[in-house]
PDB file of N, CA and C in Angstrom:
ATOM      1  N   MET A   1       0.563  14.117  -1.542  1.00  0.00           N
ATOM      2  CA  MET A   1       1.739  13.595  -0.858  1.00  0.00           C
ATOM      3  C   MET A   1       2.155  12.273  -1.485  1.00  0.00           C
ATOM      4  N   ILE A   2       3.401  11.929  -1.251  1.00  0.00           N
ATOM      5  CA  ILE A   2       3.930  10.681  -1.780  1.00  0.00           C
ATOM      6  C   ILE A   2       4.408   9.795  -0.634  1.00  0.00           C
ATOM      7  N   LEU A   3       4.555   8.504  -0.928  1.00  0.00           N
ATOM      8  CA  LEU A   3       5.063   7.572   0.073  1.00  0.00           C
ATOM      9  C   LEU A   3       6.549   7.814   0.297  1.00  0.00           C
ATOM     10  N   SER A   4       6.989   7.648   1.520  1.00  0.00           N
ATOM     11  CA  SER A   4       8.415   7.743   1.824  1.00  0.00           C
ATOM     12  C   SER A   4       9.107   6.465   1.360  1.00  0.00           C
ATOM     13  N   SER A   5      10.424   6.487   1.298  1.00  0.00           N
ATOM     14  CA  SER A   5      11.162   5.286   0.888  1.00  0.00           C
ATOM     15  C   SER A   5      10.927   4.140   1.870  1.00  0.00           C
ATOM     16  N   GLU A   6      10.748   4.466   3.150  1.00  0.00           N
ATOM     17  CA  GLU A   6      10.466   3.427   4.148  1.00  0.00           C
ATOM     18  C   GLU A   6       9.088   2.811   3.913  1.00  0.00           C
ATOM     19  N   GLU A   7       8.105   3.651   3.614  1.00  0.00           N
ATOM     20  CA  GLU A   7       6.760   3.151   3.350  1.00  0.00           C
ATOM     21  C   GLU A   7       6.714   2.314   2.077  1.00  0.00           C
ATOM     22  N   LEU A   8       7.482   2.737   1.079  1.00  0.00           N
ATOM     23  CA  LEU A   8       7.547   1.989  -0.166  1.00  0.00           C
ATOM     24  C   LEU A   8       8.164   0.616   0.068  1.00  0.00           C
ATOM     25  N   PHE A   9       9.183   0.553   0.928  1.00  0.00           N
ATOM     26  CA  PHE A   9       9.779  -0.733   1.282  1.00  0.00           C
ATOM     27  C   PHE A   9       8.770  -1.612   2.020  1.00  0.00           C
ATOM     28  N   GLU A  10       8.027  -1.029   2.961  1.00  0.00           N
ATOM     29  CA  GLU A  10       7.018  -1.799   3.702  1.00  0.00           C
ATOM     30  C   GLU A  10       5.947  -2.350   2.766  1.00  0.00           C
ATOM     31  N   LEU A  11       5.601  -1.585   1.766  1.00  0.00           N
ATOM     32  CA  LEU A  11       4.571  -2.002   0.821  1.00  0.00           C
ATOM     33  C   LEU A  11       5.065  -3.127  -0.084  1.00  0.00           C
ATOM     34  N   THR A  12       6.304  -3.022  -0.556  1.00  0.00           N
ATOM     35  CA  THR A  12       6.810  -3.979  -1.548  1.00  0.00           C
ATOM     36  C   THR A  12       7.711  -5.064  -0.962  1.00  0.00           C
ATOM     37  N   LYS A  13       8.304  -4.801   0.188  1.00  0.00           N
ATOM     38  CA  LYS A  13       9.305  -5.683   0.805  1.00  0.00           C
ATOM     39  C   LYS A  13      10.524  -5.850  -0.097  1.00  0.00           C
ATOM     40  N   LYS A  14      10.785  -4.833  -0.921  1.00  0.00           N
ATOM     41  CA  LYS A  14      11.932  -4.834  -1.841  1.00  0.00           C
ATOM     42  C   LYS A  14      12.717  -3.546  -1.651  1.00  0.00           C
ATOM     43  N   GLN A  15      14.047  -3.631  -1.847  1.00  0.00           N
ATOM     44  CA  GLN A  15      14.887  -2.447  -1.698  1.00  0.00           C
ATOM     45  C   GLN A  15      15.242  -1.833  -3.049  1.00  0.00           C
ATOM     46  N   ARG A  16      15.470  -2.661  -4.048  1.00  0.00           N
ATOM     47  CA  ARG A  16      15.863  -2.149  -5.360  1.00  0.00           C
ATOM     48  C   ARG A  16      14.656  -1.575  -6.093  1.00  0.00           C
ATOM     49  N   PHE A  17      14.906  -0.479  -6.815  1.00  0.00           N
ATOM     50  CA  PHE A  17      13.825   0.237  -7.488  1.00  0.00           C
ATOM     51  C   PHE A  17      13.117  -0.629  -8.529  1.00  0.00           C
ATOM     52  N   LYS A  18      13.869  -1.377  -9.316  1.00  0.00           N
ATOM     53  CA  LYS A  18      13.262  -2.219 -10.361  1.00  0.00           C
ATOM     54  C   LYS A  18      12.397  -3.311  -9.729  1.00  0.00           C
ATOM     55  N   ALA A  19      12.839  -3.875  -8.618  1.00  0.00           N
ATOM     56  CA  ALA A  19      12.053  -4.894  -7.918  1.00  0.00           C
ATOM     57  C   ALA A  19      10.785  -4.279  -7.329  1.00  0.00           C
ATOM     58  N   GLN A  20      10.897  -3.064  -6.789  1.00  0.00           N
ATOM     59  CA  GLN A  20       9.720  -2.373  -6.272  1.00  0.00           C
ATOM     60  C   GLN A  20       8.722  -2.116  -7.389  1.00  0.00           C
ATOM     61  N   ALA A  21       9.229  -1.720  -8.558  1.00  0.00           N
ATOM     62  CA  ALA A  21       8.352  -1.446  -9.699  1.00  0.00           C
ATOM     63  C   ALA A  21       7.606  -2.706 -10.124  1.00  0.00           C
ATOM     64  N   ARG A  22       8.278  -3.855 -10.117  1.00  0.00           N
ATOM     65  CA  ARG A  22       7.611  -5.119 -10.483  1.00  0.00           C
ATOM     66  C   ARG A  22       6.476  -5.436  -9.509  1.00  0.00           C
ATOM     67  N   VAL A  23       6.736  -5.275  -8.223  1.00  0.00           N
ATOM     68  CA  VAL A  23       5.709  -5.566  -7.212  1.00  0.00           C
ATOM     69  C   VAL A  23       4.535  -4.604  -7.360  1.00  0.00           C
ATOM     70  N   LEU A  24       4.813  -3.329  -7.540  1.00  0.00           N
ATOM     71  CA  LEU A  24       3.742  -2.354  -7.697  1.00  0.00           C
ATOM     72  C   LEU A  24       2.894  -2.667  -8.926  1.00  0.00           C
ATOM     73  N   SER A  25       3.538  -3.077 -10.009  1.00  0.00           N
ATOM     74  CA  SER A  25       2.798  -3.435 -11.222  1.00  0.00           C
ATOM     75  C   SER A  25       1.913  -4.640 -10.972  1.00  0.00           C
ATOM     76  N   GLN A  26       2.437  -5.642 -10.266  1.00  0.00           N
ATOM     77  CA  GLN A  26       1.644  -6.835  -9.955  1.00  0.00           C
ATOM     78  C   GLN A  26       0.452  -6.507  -9.068  1.00  0.00           C
ATOM     79  N   LEU A  27       0.623  -5.538  -8.183  1.00  0.00           N
ATOM     80  CA  LEU A  27      -0.462  -5.129  -7.287  1.00  0.00           C
ATOM     81  C   LEU A  27      -1.432  -4.159  -7.951  1.00  0.00           C
ATOM     82  N   GLY A  28      -1.076  -3.676  -9.128  1.00  0.00           N
ATOM     83  CA  GLY A  28      -1.941  -2.726  -9.821  1.00  0.00           C
ATOM     84  C   GLY A  28      -1.884  -1.324  -9.241  1.00  0.00           C
ATOM     85  N   ILE A  29      -0.779  -0.991  -8.593  1.00  0.00           N
ATOM     86  CA  ILE A  29      -0.623   0.330  -7.992  1.00  0.00           C
ATOM     87  C   ILE A  29       0.170   1.215  -8.953  1.00  0.00           C
ATOM     88  N   PRO A  30      -0.405   2.327  -9.382  1.00  0.00           N
ATOM     89  CA  PRO A  30       0.317   3.201 -10.311  1.00  0.00           C
ATOM     90  C   PRO A  30       1.498   3.894  -9.624  1.00  0.00           C
ATOM     91  N   TYR A  31       2.563   4.093 -10.383  1.00  0.00           N
ATOM     92  CA  TYR A  31       3.750   4.761  -9.875  1.00  0.00           C
ATOM     93  C   TYR A  31       4.405   5.521 -11.008  1.00  0.00           C
ATOM     94  N   ARG A  32       5.305   6.414 -10.645  1.00  0.00           N
ATOM     95  CA  ARG A  32       6.096   7.172 -11.614  1.00  0.00           C
ATOM     96  C   ARG A  32       7.556   6.912 -11.287  1.00  0.00           C
ATOM     97  N   GLU A  33       8.399   6.945 -12.314  1.00  0.00           N
ATOM     98  CA  GLU A  33       9.828   6.737 -12.118  1.00  0.00           C
ATOM     99  C   GLU A  33      10.565   8.067 -12.262  1.00  0.00           C
ATOM    100  N   ARG A  34      11.422   8.368 -11.299  1.00  0.00           N
ATOM    101  CA  ARG A  34      12.236   9.577 -11.341  1.00  0.00           C
ATOM    102  C   ARG A  34      13.445   9.328 -12.243  1.00  0.00           C
ATOM    103  N   PRO A  35      14.109  10.399 -12.676  1.00  0.00           N
ATOM    104  CA  PRO A  35      15.301  10.236 -13.513  1.00  0.00           C
ATOM    105  C   PRO A  35      16.399   9.390 -12.862  1.00  0.00           C
ATOM    106  N   ASP A  36      16.475   9.403 -11.525  1.00  0.00           N
ATOM    107  CA  ASP A  36      17.498   8.600 -10.846  1.00  0.00           C
ATOM    108  C   ASP A  36      17.079   7.138 -10.665  1.00  0.00           C
ATOM    109  N   GLY A  37      15.862   6.790 -11.116  1.00  0.00           N
ATOM    110  CA  GLY A  37      15.389   5.409 -11.015  1.00  0.00           C
ATOM    111  C   GLY A  37      14.489   5.151  -9.821  1.00  0.00           C
ATOM    112  N   SER A  38      14.475   6.066  -8.865  1.00  0.00           N
ATOM    113  CA  SER A  38      13.607   5.879  -7.700  1.00  0.00           C
ATOM    114  C   SER A  38      12.155   6.061  -8.125  1.00  0.00           C
ATOM    115  N   LEU A  39      11.253   5.568  -7.286  1.00  0.00           N
ATOM    116  CA  LEU A  39       9.832   5.549  -7.631  1.00  0.00           C
ATOM    117  C   LEU A  39       9.041   6.537  -6.796  1.00  0.00           C
ATOM    118  N   VAL A  40       7.973   7.035  -7.394  1.00  0.00           N
ATOM    119  CA  VAL A  40       7.031   7.923  -6.709  1.00  0.00           C
ATOM    120  C   VAL A  40       5.673   7.243  -6.720  1.00  0.00           C
ATOM    121  N   VAL A  41       5.114   7.051  -5.528  1.00  0.00           N
ATOM    122  CA  VAL A  41       3.770   6.498  -5.391  1.00  0.00           C
ATOM    123  C   VAL A  41       2.958   7.514  -4.610  1.00  0.00           C
ATOM    124  N   TYR A  42       1.893   7.991  -5.218  1.00  0.00           N
ATOM    125  CA  TYR A  42       1.034   8.966  -4.559  1.00  0.00           C
ATOM    126  C   TYR A  42       0.095   8.266  -3.585  1.00  0.00           C
ATOM    127  N   ARG A  43      -0.058   8.851  -2.423  1.00  0.00           N
ATOM    128  CA  ARG A  43      -0.944   8.272  -1.408  1.00  0.00           C
ATOM    129  C   ARG A  43      -2.370   8.105  -1.932  1.00  0.00           C
ATOM    130  N   THR A  44      -2.815   9.033  -2.743  1.00  0.00           N
ATOM    131  CA  THR A  44      -4.186   8.958  -3.256  1.00  0.00           C
ATOM    132  C   THR A  44      -4.389   7.722  -4.128  1.00  0.00           C
ATOM    133  N   SER A  45      -3.323   7.232  -4.757  1.00  0.00           N
ATOM    134  CA  SER A  45      -3.477   6.042  -5.594  1.00  0.00           C
ATOM    135  C   SER A  45      -3.700   4.795  -4.752  1.00  0.00           C
ATOM    136  N   LEU A  46      -3.297   4.815  -3.487  1.00  0.00           N
ATOM    137  CA  LEU A  46      -3.534   3.674  -2.604  1.00  0.00           C
ATOM    138  C   LEU A  46      -4.964   3.660  -2.098  1.00  0.00           C
ATOM    139  N   ASN A  47      -5.600   4.814  -2.055  1.00  0.00           N
ATOM    140  CA  ASN A  47      -6.972   4.923  -1.570  1.00  0.00           C
ATOM    141  C   ASN A  47      -7.988   4.900  -2.700  1.00  0.00           C
ATOM    142  N   ALA A  48      -7.515   4.696  -3.908  1.00  0.00           N
ATOM    143  CA  ALA A  48      -8.415   4.683  -5.067  1.00  0.00           C
ATOM    144  C   ALA A  48      -9.348   3.484  -4.984  1.00  0.00           C
ATOM    145  N   PRO A  49     -10.581   3.636  -5.431  1.00  0.00           N
ATOM    146  CA  PRO A  49     -11.507   2.504  -5.407  1.00  0.00           C
ATOM    147  C   PRO A  49     -11.036   1.401  -6.353  1.00  0.00           C
ATOM    148  N   GLN A  50     -11.347   0.191  -5.984  1.00  0.00           N
ATOM    149  CA  GLN A  50     -10.982  -0.957  -6.806  1.00  0.00           C
ATOM    150  C   GLN A  50     -11.792  -0.956  -8.083  1.00  0.00           C
ATOM    151  N   LYS A  51     -11.240  -1.589  -9.111  1.00  0.00           N
ATOM    152  CA  LYS A  51     -11.958  -1.697 -10.365  1.00  0.00           C
ATOM    153  C   LYS A  51     -13.225  -2.521 -10.158  1.00  0.00           C
ATOM    154  N   VAL A  52     -14.294  -2.047 -10.711  1.00  0.00           N
ATOM    155  CA  VAL A  52     -15.574  -2.728 -10.600  1.00  0.00           C
ATOM    156  C   VAL A  52     -15.771  -3.594 -11.840  1.00  0.00           C
ATOM    157  N   THR A  53     -16.083  -4.835 -11.620  1.00  0.00           N
ATOM    158  CA  THR A  53     -16.367  -5.730 -12.739  1.00  0.00           C
ATOM    159  C   THR A  53     -17.863  -5.708 -12.977  1.00  0.00           C
ATOM    160  N   TRP A  54     -18.239  -5.325 -14.175  1.00  0.00           N
ATOM    161  CA  TRP A  54     -19.646  -5.225 -14.519  1.00  0.00           C
ATOM    162  C   TRP A  54     -20.106  -6.498 -15.200  1.00  0.00           C
ATOM    163  N   GLU A  55     -21.296  -6.918 -14.864  1.00  0.00           N
ATOM    164  CA  GLU A  55     -21.904  -8.067 -15.503  1.00  0.00           C
ATOM    165  C   GLU A  55     -23.273  -7.656 -16.023  1.00  0.00           C
ATOM    166  N   PRO A  56     -23.703  -8.248 -17.123  1.00  0.00           N
ATOM    167  CA  PRO A  56     -25.026  -7.901 -17.658  1.00  0.00           C
ATOM    168  C   PRO A  56     -26.139  -8.322 -16.706  1.00  0.00           C
ATOM    169  N   ASP A  57     -27.237  -7.600 -16.771  1.00  0.00           N
ATOM    170  CA  ASP A  57     -28.413  -7.909 -15.959  1.00  0.00           C
ATOM    171  C   ASP A  57     -29.295  -8.859 -16.757  1.00  0.00           C
ATOM    172  N   TYR A  58     -29.131 -10.148 -16.505  1.00  0.00           N
ATOM    173  CA  TYR A  58     -29.875 -11.165 -17.251  1.00  0.00           C
ATOM    174  C   TYR A  58     -31.344 -11.236 -16.846  1.00  0.00           C
ATOM    175  N   SER A  59     -31.716 -10.589 -15.758  1.00  0.00           N
ATOM    176  CA  SER A  59     -33.116 -10.634 -15.334  1.00  0.00           C
ATOM    177  C   SER A  59     -34.032  -9.950 -16.358  1.00  0.00           C
ATOM    178  N   VAL A  60     -33.492  -9.075 -17.148  1.00  0.00           N
ATOM    179  CA  VAL A  60     -34.272  -8.368 -18.163  1.00  0.00           C
ATOM    180  C   VAL A  60     -34.693  -9.322 -19.269  1.00  0.00           C
ATOM    181  N   LEU A  61     -33.925 -10.346 -19.545  1.00  0.00           N
ATOM    182  CA  LEU A  61     -34.216 -11.279 -20.623  1.00  0.00           C
ATOM    183  C   LEU A  61     -35.560 -11.977 -20.425  1.00  0.00           C
ATOM    184  N   GLY A  62     -35.887 -12.305 -19.204  1.00  0.00           N
ATOM    185  CA  GLY A  62     -37.170 -12.956 -18.929  1.00  0.00           C
ATOM    186  C   GLY A  62     -38.342 -12.066 -19.284  1.00  0.00           C
ATOM    187  N   LYS A  63     -38.206 -10.782 -19.097  1.00  0.00           N
ATOM    188  CA  LYS A  63     -39.271  -9.839 -19.419  1.00  0.00           C
ATOM    189  C   LYS A  63     -39.420  -9.668 -20.933  1.00  0.00           C
ATOM    190  N   LEU A  64     -38.331  -9.767 -21.669  1.00  0.00           N
ATOM    191  CA  LEU A  64     -38.370  -9.594 -23.121  1.00  0.00           C
ATOM    192  C   LEU A  64     -38.980 -10.796 -23.834  1.00  0.00           C
ATOM    193  N   CYS A  65     -38.845 -11.977 -23.251  1.00  0.00           N
ATOM    194  CA  CYS A  65     -39.309 -13.214 -23.900  1.00  0.00           C
ATOM    195  C   CYS A  65     -40.808 -13.443 -23.713  1.00  0.00           C
ATOM    196  N   ARG A  66     -41.477 -12.661 -22.950  1.00  0.00           N
ATOM    197  CA  ARG A  66     -42.908 -12.862 -22.681  1.00  0.00           C
ATOM    198  C   ARG A  66     -43.766 -12.315 -23.770  1.00  0.00           C
TER     199      ARG A  66
END
């Protein structure tokens, strides 16, 4: 399913398609553009897990130096 135009407005607080696209890009929400310029946002993209930032496990270094 996709978001309705009302839901898209609630999400972006913008009425114009180009302004909505800018807000969605800033929020990191993927969207598709229709030939008429309107936007399609899939509901599943809103429920997608956030990007995980990985950091190295430095605790291993202490074991290697022994």
